């Protein structure tokens, strides 16, 4: 016979309604009672009926996750963290990909909001006005985007670019390029802001190229304009673009880093696997996903959002083989 909530209640010495609260809304139950119920449920191998729990709590136990491009190796790292933390909290995750289309993103938000308790939007491309409108209707958290005081987990993009410029100037570079990502990407605007400030402070000439698609072919397409700009180093919006640059440089017989240095952003797994290994600004992808779920669960417990609703995670320059001193003239 399947284990029922009454069996758990009997084993824990509490009422069935207390078991429901302890498993569905644990903050409403004393810690000692909550632990006793969870221990009894684990010993009996009890699995709550999501449909029944939803009738009691008004919650589905589901979270929605929308990303702009699952083909970009950055996002699977974030998704892994989101799924792991949601699983720990006994929530399921519905995942959708917008293919970098803001209109598709808006449609998916409208659709998923009806089926989940809250949403995590990774690098959303829609406008600030649209995001504010959705946030007023459903609990949501943004990753890698900031809009006013809306709940968000972001990375220290400005400081990451400062680290990249400091590294290049220490090597002797004085004219560098930046291959930009999408205009609508908040992270691109932040990285440009950081680059301009750091370049000005260091007395470095900055050449901005793009925007290009934040994909491998975007980097390939940008490589020739980078070389035509006469720079000795290039910083890419993300690692995937940087890998495209490396590919095209290699095809043209341009030695990296002897002829030109290359820096990416994100530190995806492939960055350390190519030759030369890619110098890049690392971001905590999996940790950001976990932090995003924690923030969303906090909003579900406290819709007024009296706790922390914004958090910035640090970045760290990973120096590898794709950067070196500029060529001698």
Foldseek 3Di string as FASTA:
>chain_A
DADDLCQLCVQLVHDSVLLLCLLQPVVVDDPVSSVSSVVSCVVSVHDDDQVVSCVVPVFNLEEEEEEADPVPLLQVLQVVLQQVLSVVSSGHYDYDYNVNDLVSVLVVLVVVQVPHQEYEYEQHLDDLVSVVVSVVPHPYEYECDDRPQAFYEHAQLLVLLLVVLVVQVVQPWAEEEEAAEDPSGPSRVSNVVSNVVNNVVSNHHYHYDDPFHPALVRLLVCQVVRVVVVGQEYEYAAVRSQNSNVVNCVVVVNDFNQAHFYEGEACRVCQVVDVQRHWYKHFNSSVSSSVRNVLSVVCSSPVVSPDRRYYYGYIHTDDTRRDHHHHDD
